[in-house]
C-alpha cells in the first residue's frame, strides 16, 4: 500500500537574532524528520520572517531551493492571542486536508495561544502532535541537538469522553452513549466495557429483559465500578427473576412467581426515567400501563382471570353475581380494559377494587391525562404536575398489589456512574 501523503501544520513564532535562527533550525529539523508533502505555516506578520530564516537554513544545508522542494502555504492571522480564532483556523485546515493527507502538527514555536490551539486541535481531531526539543543554552536549543518529541494527548481526550459518556448513561441516553463510546481511542478495555454497559441497560430500559440478561456482564461491571456492586447485584437478581422459568411443572414451563411484580417495578422505574428527561407524555403512558398491569396481575394471580380473554365460567367460580354477568356482552372472546378490570375487582370485594371505588373520581380524572395525550387519543401534552398526580395513585395501587413493591422498585433501579 502506498504511503499516504503527509501534511505538516506548524505554528511559527517570532524570535530575534540567535533565537530566530534557533527557531528556524528547529522548524527545519521537524520538516527534515517528517518529510511532508505539504506544509502549512500558521504565522502572523511578525513571525513570517522566521519562515524566511528557515528557507535560508534549508538552502545552505542542502544547496537546494526550498520553494522548489516543498509545496506550502501560509495561514496568516494577527489574532495571536485569541484562542478561538486560532483553533478555528486549525479546525478549518484539518477539515480541508484530512481526506487526502495524514496530518501532523508541530507546536514548537509561536505564542502560548497559538501553541495551545494547535495542541487542542490535535486532541479533539486526533492528529499526531510533536515539538522539537534538544539541549538548551540560555533558553535556546543548541544546533545539532534537535529532536522531534511526540506528545500523546489522546488519553486526556479519552478522559473527557468518558466523563461525557457517564453523563449520557446517568441521563438514560443509552443510544447516544453507544455512539460516543466508539470515539474512545486508546482505552480499548474501557471502550469494550462501556459498550457492554450501555447495551445491557439499553435493553433493560427497552423492556427487553431477555437480551439485557444475555449481555449483562456482572463480574466485569463490579470490577470496573466496585462502589456500584450492590445495585448491579440487585439488577441481575431482577433480570434473572424476569427470565426464569420452572421447567419441572406438569403443565410445561412456568414463569417465576414474582416475574410480573418485577416487570411492573421495571415499568414504574421506566416512567420515572422518562419523567427525569421531562418526557411527561411518555412517562404518563407508562404509568397508565402500570395501573392497568396492577389489575391484570391481581385478577390473574388471585382469581385465575385473564382480562384479555375473560371466561364467564371462571367468573361464576369466583361467585360474581349474575346481575353483573348479565351486563357483560358474552362472545367468544371478552376483553376487559383498565376500568372494567378495576370494576370487576370491586365485584370480587378485592382491596384493589375498594381502592378504585374510593378514588374513582380522581382515577377517572388522571386517566384523562393519558387519553388526551398526543401519544394516546388526543392532542394535548402532559405536564409534570399531571405526572406527579398520576404517579401517586399508581404507587398506592402498586403497594396494595404486593407488600414488597418498594423493594422490587429498588432492585430494578439503574445505577448512577460517578
Protein backbone atom coordinates (compact mmCIF):
# COMPACT_ATOMS: atom_id res chain seq x y z
CA UNK A 1 0.00 0.00 0.00
CA UNK A 2 1.49 3.38 -0.95
CA UNK A 3 2.31 5.86 1.80
CA UNK A 4 -0.47 8.36 2.38
CA UNK A 5 0.66 11.90 1.68
CA UNK A 6 1.65 13.90 4.76
CA UNK A 7 0.60 17.41 5.65
CA UNK A 8 2.63 19.21 8.31
CA UNK A 9 0.87 22.03 10.19
CA UNK A 10 3.32 24.28 12.06
CA UNK A 11 2.88 27.21 14.39
CA UNK A 12 5.62 29.78 13.82
CA UNK A 13 6.96 32.16 16.45
CA UNK A 14 8.99 35.35 16.03
CA UNK A 15 12.21 35.38 17.98
CA UNK A 16 15.05 37.75 17.24
CA UNK A 17 18.71 37.26 16.42
CA UNK A 18 20.05 33.94 17.67
CA UNK A 19 16.61 32.89 18.92
CA UNK A 20 15.06 33.31 15.45
CA UNK A 21 17.95 31.34 13.99
CA UNK A 22 17.38 28.61 16.61
CA UNK A 23 13.67 28.53 15.80
CA UNK A 24 14.47 28.20 12.11
CA UNK A 25 16.81 25.25 12.81
CA UNK A 26 14.08 23.63 14.94
CA UNK A 27 11.49 24.00 12.19
CA UNK A 28 13.97 22.62 9.68
CA UNK A 29 14.58 19.61 11.92
CA UNK A 30 10.85 18.99 12.02
CA UNK A 31 10.46 19.22 8.24
CA UNK A 32 13.50 17.07 7.58
CA UNK A 33 12.31 14.42 10.06
CA UNK A 34 8.67 14.21 8.95
CA UNK A 35 9.29 14.59 5.20
CA UNK A 36 5.93 16.24 4.45
CA UNK A 37 4.30 16.52 1.03
CA UNK A 38 2.60 19.74 2.06
CA UNK A 39 3.38 22.32 4.77
CA UNK A 40 1.02 24.86 6.29
CA UNK A 41 2.71 27.60 8.32
CA UNK A 42 0.48 29.33 10.89
CA UNK A 43 2.00 32.78 11.17
CA UNK A 44 1.47 36.41 12.00
CA UNK A 45 3.00 39.34 10.17
CA UNK A 46 5.80 39.44 12.78
CA UNK A 47 6.53 35.70 12.65
CA UNK A 48 6.59 35.33 8.86
CA UNK A 49 10.29 36.32 8.70
CA UNK A 50 11.07 33.18 10.73
CA UNK A 51 10.00 31.15 7.69
CA UNK A 52 12.39 33.22 5.57
CA UNK A 53 15.14 32.27 8.03
CA UNK A 54 14.07 28.65 7.71
CA UNK A 55 14.42 28.80 3.95
CA UNK A 56 17.98 30.14 4.28
CA UNK A 57 18.87 27.30 6.68
CA UNK A 58 17.49 24.78 4.20
CA UNK A 59 19.16 26.31 1.17
CA UNK A 60 22.56 26.43 2.90
CA UNK A 61 22.28 22.90 4.28
CA UNK A 62 21.04 21.11 1.18
CA UNK A 63 22.16 23.51 -1.53
CA UNK A 64 18.63 23.42 -2.94
CA UNK A 65 15.79 25.92 -3.22
CA UNK A 66 13.18 25.41 -0.51
CA UNK A 67 10.43 26.86 -2.73
CA UNK A 68 11.13 24.25 -5.39
CA UNK A 69 11.33 21.32 -2.94
CA UNK A 70 8.19 21.91 -0.90
CA UNK A 71 4.56 22.72 -1.53
CA UNK A 72 3.49 25.09 1.22
CA UNK A 73 1.14 27.89 2.16
CA UNK A 74 0.63 30.43 4.95
CA UNK A 75 -2.33 30.87 7.26
CA UNK A 76 -1.74 34.39 8.43
CA UNK A 77 -3.71 35.71 11.39
CA UNK A 78 -2.87 38.66 13.60
CA UNK A 79 -5.16 37.46 16.43
CA UNK A 80 -2.23 35.62 18.01
CA UNK A 81 -3.76 35.86 21.49
CA UNK A 82 -7.31 34.84 20.59
CA UNK A 83 -7.64 31.12 21.17
CA UNK A 84 -10.97 30.63 19.39
CA UNK A 85 -9.79 32.26 16.19
CA UNK A 86 -6.60 30.22 16.03
CA UNK A 87 -8.36 27.00 16.97
CA UNK A 88 -10.89 27.59 14.19
CA UNK A 89 -8.03 28.14 11.75
CA UNK A 90 -6.67 24.69 12.65
CA UNK A 91 -10.13 23.16 12.54
CA UNK A 92 -10.76 24.54 9.06
CA UNK A 93 -7.40 23.43 7.70
CA UNK A 94 -7.71 19.92 9.17
CA UNK A 95 -11.17 19.56 7.65
CA UNK A 96 -9.81 20.67 4.30
CA UNK A 97 -6.84 18.30 4.28
CA UNK A 98 -7.69 15.17 6.25
CA UNK A 99 -9.32 13.20 3.42
CA UNK A 100 -6.21 13.41 1.30
CA UNK A 101 -3.41 13.71 3.89
CA UNK A 102 -2.13 12.18 7.08
CA UNK A 103 -1.93 15.28 9.26
CA UNK A 104 0.90 16.03 11.69
CA UNK A 105 1.05 19.08 13.94
CA UNK A 106 4.22 20.79 15.17
CA UNK A 107 3.70 23.26 18.01
CA UNK A 108 7.36 24.01 18.71
CA UNK A 109 7.10 27.79 18.42
CA UNK A 110 4.53 30.56 18.47
CA UNK A 111 2.61 32.41 21.15
CA UNK A 112 1.11 30.44 24.02
CA UNK A 113 -2.31 30.89 22.44
CA UNK A 114 -1.13 29.59 19.06
CA UNK A 115 0.55 26.51 20.53
CA UNK A 116 -2.41 25.81 22.84
CA UNK A 117 -4.79 25.97 19.88
CA UNK A 118 -2.57 23.54 17.98
CA UNK A 119 -2.46 21.13 20.93
CA UNK A 120 -6.23 21.25 21.42
CA UNK A 121 -6.80 20.68 17.72
CA UNK A 122 -4.56 17.61 17.80
CA UNK A 123 -6.50 16.23 20.78
CA UNK A 124 -10.02 16.93 19.51
CA UNK A 125 -9.35 15.79 15.95
CA UNK A 126 -6.90 13.08 16.94
CA UNK A 127 -3.89 14.18 14.94
CA UNK A 128 -0.23 13.44 15.67
CA UNK A 129 1.38 16.15 17.78
CA UNK A 130 5.07 16.80 18.45
CA UNK A 131 7.59 19.52 19.19
CA UNK A 132 11.30 19.95 18.61
CA UNK A 133 13.46 19.79 21.73
CA UNK A 134 17.16 19.48 22.46
CA UNK A 135 19.98 20.64 24.68
CA UNK A 136 19.44 24.25 25.72
CA UNK A 137 21.85 27.04 26.47
CA UNK A 138 20.42 30.35 27.65
CA UNK A 139 16.96 29.09 26.73
CA UNK A 140 17.93 28.34 23.12
CA UNK A 141 18.13 24.84 21.64
CA UNK A 142 21.71 24.17 20.56
CA UNK A 143 22.10 23.47 16.84
CA UNK A 144 22.68 19.81 16.12
CA UNK A 145 20.93 18.59 19.29
CA UNK A 146 17.39 18.95 17.94
CA UNK A 147 14.96 16.00 18.09
CA UNK A 148 11.23 15.60 17.48
CA UNK A 149 9.38 14.62 20.65
CA UNK A 150 5.87 13.15 20.19
CA UNK A 151 3.08 14.25 22.53
CA UNK A 152 0.12 11.93 23.12
CA UNK A 153 -2.96 13.85 24.25
CA UNK A 154 -5.35 11.03 23.33
CA UNK A 155 -5.58 9.83 26.93
CA UNK A 156 -6.68 13.32 28.01
CA UNK A 157 -9.27 13.27 25.24
CA UNK A 158 -10.46 9.82 26.31
CA UNK A 159 -10.87 11.03 29.89
CA UNK A 160 -13.04 13.90 28.70
CA UNK A 161 -15.04 11.50 26.54
CA UNK A 162 -15.55 9.06 29.42
CA UNK A 163 -16.90 11.83 31.64
CA UNK A 164 -19.35 12.78 28.91
CA UNK A 165 -20.29 9.13 28.40
CA UNK A 166 -21.05 8.79 32.11
CA UNK A 167 -23.34 11.82 31.91
CA UNK A 168 -25.19 10.24 29.00
CA UNK A 169 -25.62 7.00 30.92
CA UNK A 170 -26.90 8.81 34.01
CA UNK A 171 -29.37 10.70 31.81
CA UNK A 172 -30.61 7.47 30.18
CA UNK A 173 -29.19 8.42 26.77
CA UNK A 174 -28.06 4.88 26.04
CA UNK A 175 -28.10 5.04 22.24
CA UNK A 176 -26.22 8.35 22.16
CA UNK A 177 -23.76 6.95 24.69
CA UNK A 178 -23.07 3.95 22.48
CA UNK A 179 -22.22 6.24 19.58
CA UNK A 180 -19.84 8.23 21.77
CA UNK A 181 -18.20 5.06 23.13
CA UNK A 182 -16.93 4.41 19.60
CA UNK A 183 -14.98 7.66 19.83
CA UNK A 184 -12.76 6.39 22.67
CA UNK A 185 -9.29 5.85 21.26
CA UNK A 186 -6.57 4.46 23.49
CA UNK A 187 -8.52 2.86 26.32
CA UNK A 188 -9.77 -0.20 24.47
CA UNK A 189 -10.74 -2.02 27.67
CA UNK A 190 -12.89 0.90 28.74
CA UNK A 191 -14.38 1.02 25.26
CA UNK A 192 -15.49 -2.62 25.38
CA UNK A 193 -16.71 -2.34 28.96
CA UNK A 194 -18.79 0.80 28.39
CA UNK A 195 -20.21 -0.78 25.25
CA UNK A 196 -21.43 -3.76 27.28
CA UNK A 197 -22.83 -1.50 29.97
CA UNK A 198 -24.78 0.65 27.52
CA UNK A 199 -26.10 -2.44 25.73
CA UNK A 200 -27.30 -4.05 28.96
CA UNK A 201 -29.17 -1.00 30.21
CA UNK A 202 -30.45 -0.05 26.76
CA UNK A 203 -32.21 -3.43 26.57
CA UNK A 204 -33.29 -3.18 30.22
CA UNK A 205 -34.80 0.25 29.54
CA UNK A 206 -36.47 -1.09 26.38
CA UNK A 207 -38.14 -3.85 28.46
CA UNK A 208 -36.16 -6.47 26.53
CA UNK A 209 -35.20 -8.28 29.71
CA UNK A 210 -34.03 -11.43 27.96
CA UNK A 211 -31.46 -9.57 25.87
CA UNK A 212 -30.46 -7.41 28.85
CA UNK A 213 -29.64 -10.51 30.88
CA UNK A 214 -27.73 -12.00 27.98
CA UNK A 215 -25.29 -9.08 27.76
CA UNK A 216 -25.17 -8.18 31.48
CA UNK A 217 -21.55 -8.87 32.49
CA UNK A 218 -21.91 -8.70 36.26
CA UNK A 219 -18.30 -9.66 37.05
CA UNK A 220 -16.79 -7.04 34.75
CA UNK A 221 -19.22 -4.35 35.87
CA UNK A 222 -18.44 -4.96 39.54
CA UNK A 223 -14.71 -4.99 38.84
CA UNK A 224 -14.89 -1.67 37.00
CA UNK A 225 -17.31 0.05 39.38
CA UNK A 226 -16.95 -1.64 42.80
CA UNK A 227 -18.93 1.12 44.53
CA UNK A 228 -21.96 0.08 42.44
CA UNK A 229 -21.67 -3.62 43.25
CA UNK A 230 -24.86 -3.68 45.30
CA UNK A 231 -27.02 -2.11 42.57
CA UNK A 232 -25.54 -4.38 39.90
CA UNK A 233 -26.35 -7.39 42.07
CA UNK A 234 -29.92 -6.17 42.61
CA UNK A 235 -30.32 -5.59 38.88
CA UNK A 236 -29.02 -9.03 37.90
CA UNK A 237 -31.31 -10.60 40.50
CA UNK A 238 -34.29 -8.81 38.97
CA UNK A 239 -33.29 -9.78 35.43
CA UNK A 240 -32.88 -13.40 36.46
CA UNK A 241 -36.34 -13.44 38.03
CA UNK A 242 -37.90 -11.86 34.94
CA UNK A 243 -36.24 -14.52 32.75
CA UNK A 244 -36.61 -17.62 34.96
CA UNK A 245 -38.95 -20.45 34.01
CA UNK A 246 -39.72 -23.57 36.02
CA UNK A 247 -39.17 -26.47 33.61
CA UNK A 248 -40.43 -29.15 36.01
CA UNK A 249 -44.07 -28.14 36.00
CA UNK A 250 -46.53 -30.77 34.76
CA UNK A 251 -48.17 -28.02 32.70
CA UNK A 252 -44.94 -27.13 30.92
CA UNK A 253 -42.56 -24.22 31.63
CA UNK A 254 -43.98 -21.74 34.12
CA UNK A 255 -42.64 -18.29 34.94
CA UNK A 256 -41.16 -17.25 38.26
CA UNK A 257 -43.95 -16.41 40.71
CA UNK A 258 -42.54 -12.86 41.16
CA UNK A 259 -41.88 -12.14 37.47
CA UNK A 260 -44.86 -9.88 36.83
CA UNK A 261 -44.24 -7.87 40.02
CA UNK A 262 -40.69 -7.18 38.88
CA UNK A 263 -41.90 -6.29 35.41
CA UNK A 264 -44.31 -3.81 36.98
CA UNK A 265 -41.49 -2.35 39.07
CA UNK A 266 -39.31 -2.07 35.96
CA UNK A 267 -42.03 -0.16 34.09
CA UNK A 268 -42.52 2.18 37.07
CA UNK A 269 -38.80 2.96 37.03
CA UNK A 270 -39.02 3.40 33.28
CA UNK A 271 -41.72 6.02 33.85
CA UNK A 272 -39.50 7.79 36.40
CA UNK A 273 -36.65 7.92 33.91
CA UNK A 274 -38.88 9.46 31.27
CA UNK A 275 -40.05 12.00 33.86
CA UNK A 276 -36.42 12.82 34.65
CA UNK A 277 -35.97 13.63 30.95
CA UNK A 278 -39.08 15.86 31.00
CA UNK A 279 -40.81 13.44 28.62
CA UNK A 280 -44.08 13.62 30.52
CA UNK A 281 -46.29 12.13 27.79
CA UNK A 282 -44.03 9.06 27.65
CA UNK A 283 -43.96 8.89 31.45
CA UNK A 284 -47.75 9.10 31.80
CA UNK A 285 -48.20 6.43 29.11
CA UNK A 286 -46.04 4.09 31.21
CA UNK A 287 -47.97 4.95 34.36
CA UNK A 288 -51.22 4.12 32.55
CA UNK A 289 -49.80 0.73 31.54
CA UNK A 290 -48.62 0.20 35.13
CA UNK A 291 -52.08 0.90 36.56
CA UNK A 292 -53.58 -1.47 34.01
CA UNK A 293 -50.98 -4.15 34.76
CA UNK A 294 -51.65 -3.95 38.50
CA UNK A 295 -55.27 -5.00 37.97
CA UNK A 296 -54.31 -7.68 35.44
CA UNK A 297 -51.79 -9.23 37.83
CA UNK A 298 -54.27 -9.33 40.72
CA UNK A 299 -57.04 -10.84 38.57
CA UNK A 300 -54.70 -13.48 37.19
CA UNK A 301 -52.88 -14.48 40.37
CA UNK A 302 -55.74 -14.35 42.87
CA UNK A 303 -58.73 -15.33 40.75
CA UNK A 304 -57.37 -17.06 37.64
CA UNK A 305 -59.00 -14.43 35.42
CA UNK A 306 -57.33 -13.39 32.17
CA UNK A 307 -58.73 -9.94 31.40
CA UNK A 308 -57.59 -10.25 27.78
CA UNK A 309 -59.88 -13.25 27.34
CA UNK A 310 -62.43 -13.40 30.15
CA UNK A 311 -64.05 -16.79 30.79
CA UNK A 312 -67.61 -16.40 32.15
CA UNK A 313 -67.35 -19.77 33.88
CA UNK A 314 -64.30 -18.58 35.79
CA UNK A 315 -66.24 -15.51 36.90
CA UNK A 316 -69.03 -17.74 38.17
CA UNK A 317 -66.50 -19.88 40.03
CA UNK A 318 -65.41 -16.68 41.81
CA UNK A 319 -69.04 -16.03 42.83
CA UNK A 320 -69.50 -12.94 40.69
CA UNK A 321 -73.21 -12.06 40.90
CA UNK A 322 -75.45 -12.85 37.94
CA UNK A 323 -76.70 -9.28 37.60
CA UNK A 324 -73.15 -8.21 36.78
CA UNK A 325 -72.66 -11.13 34.40
CA UNK A 326 -75.86 -10.22 32.58
CA UNK A 327 -74.39 -6.82 31.77
CA UNK A 328 -71.39 -8.36 30.02
CA UNK A 329 -71.62 -8.80 26.27
CA UNK A 330 -70.92 -12.53 26.07
CA UNK A 331 -68.93 -13.53 22.99
CA UNK A 332 -66.19 -15.96 22.01
CA UNK A 333 -63.59 -13.50 23.32
CA UNK A 334 -64.30 -10.98 26.04
CA UNK A 335 -61.61 -8.35 26.63
CA UNK A 336 -61.62 -6.06 29.64
CA UNK A 337 -59.88 -2.69 29.69
CA UNK A 338 -58.42 -0.88 32.68
CA UNK A 339 -61.69 0.47 34.09
CA UNK A 340 -63.55 -2.83 33.61
CA UNK A 341 -60.72 -4.68 35.39
CA UNK A 342 -61.00 -2.49 38.48
CA UNK A 343 -64.78 -2.63 38.46
CA UNK A 344 -64.54 -6.43 38.36
CA UNK A 345 -62.13 -6.33 41.31
CA UNK A 346 -64.78 -4.30 43.10
CA UNK A 347 -67.36 -7.03 42.43
CA UNK A 348 -64.86 -9.53 43.87
CA UNK A 349 -64.55 -7.44 47.07
CA UNK A 350 -60.82 -7.13 46.44
CA UNK A 351 -58.85 -4.41 48.25
CA UNK A 352 -57.70 -3.03 44.88
CA UNK A 353 -61.34 -2.86 43.83
CA UNK A 354 -62.16 -0.99 47.04
CA UNK A 355 -59.25 1.38 46.37
CA UNK A 356 -60.59 2.07 42.89
CA UNK A 357 -64.14 2.72 44.13
CA UNK A 358 -62.93 5.08 46.87
CA UNK A 359 -60.72 7.02 44.44
CA UNK A 360 -62.90 6.59 41.36
CA UNK A 361 -63.36 10.28 40.65
CA UNK A 362 -59.63 11.06 40.91
CA UNK A 363 -58.64 7.99 38.90
CA UNK A 364 -61.05 8.86 36.11
CA UNK A 365 -59.60 12.37 36.10
CA UNK A 366 -56.00 11.22 35.82
CA UNK A 367 -56.90 8.75 33.09
CA UNK A 368 -57.91 11.79 31.05
CA UNK A 369 -54.27 12.95 31.20
CA UNK A 370 -53.25 9.88 29.23
CA UNK A 371 -56.32 9.72 26.97
CA UNK A 372 -55.94 13.37 25.94
CA UNK A 373 -52.20 12.99 25.36
CA UNK A 374 -50.80 13.28 21.87
CA UNK A 375 -49.33 9.79 22.41
CA UNK A 376 -52.81 8.30 23.04
CA UNK A 377 -56.07 9.68 21.63
CA UNK A 378 -55.76 13.46 21.89
CA UNK A 379 -53.62 16.44 21.01
CA UNK A 380 -52.52 17.69 24.46
CA UNK A 381 -49.18 17.42 26.19
CA UNK A 382 -48.89 16.10 29.73
CA UNK A 383 -47.26 18.22 32.44
CA UNK A 384 -45.07 17.36 35.40
CA UNK A 385 -47.99 18.17 37.72
CA UNK A 386 -50.17 15.65 35.90
CA UNK A 387 -47.39 13.07 36.02
CA UNK A 388 -46.94 13.59 39.76
CA UNK A 389 -50.67 13.21 40.45
CA UNK A 390 -50.86 10.07 38.31
CA UNK A 391 -47.73 8.63 39.94
CA UNK A 392 -49.13 8.96 43.49
CA UNK A 393 -52.22 6.92 42.60
CA UNK A 394 -50.25 4.25 40.75
CA UNK A 395 -47.73 3.78 43.57
CA UNK A 396 -50.54 3.42 46.11
CA UNK A 397 -52.17 0.75 43.97
CA UNK A 398 -48.80 -0.99 43.41
CA UNK A 399 -48.17 -1.19 47.15
CA UNK A 400 -51.63 -2.72 47.63
CA UNK A 401 -50.79 -5.28 44.97
CA UNK A 402 -47.71 -6.52 46.84
CA UNK A 403 -46.27 -5.56 50.20
CA UNK A 404 -42.70 -5.72 48.83
CA UNK A 405 -43.28 -3.47 45.82
CA UNK A 406 -40.86 -0.79 47.07
CA UNK A 407 -38.17 -3.47 47.28
CA UNK A 408 -38.91 -4.60 43.71
CA UNK A 409 -38.71 -0.99 42.55
CA UNK A 410 -35.35 -0.54 44.28
CA UNK A 411 -33.99 -3.70 42.65
CA UNK A 412 -34.91 -2.51 39.15
CA UNK A 413 -33.46 1.00 39.52
CA UNK A 414 -30.47 1.79 37.34
CA UNK A 415 -27.09 2.69 38.91
CA UNK A 416 -25.57 6.17 38.70
CA UNK A 417 -22.00 6.33 37.40
CA UNK A 418 -19.74 8.64 39.40
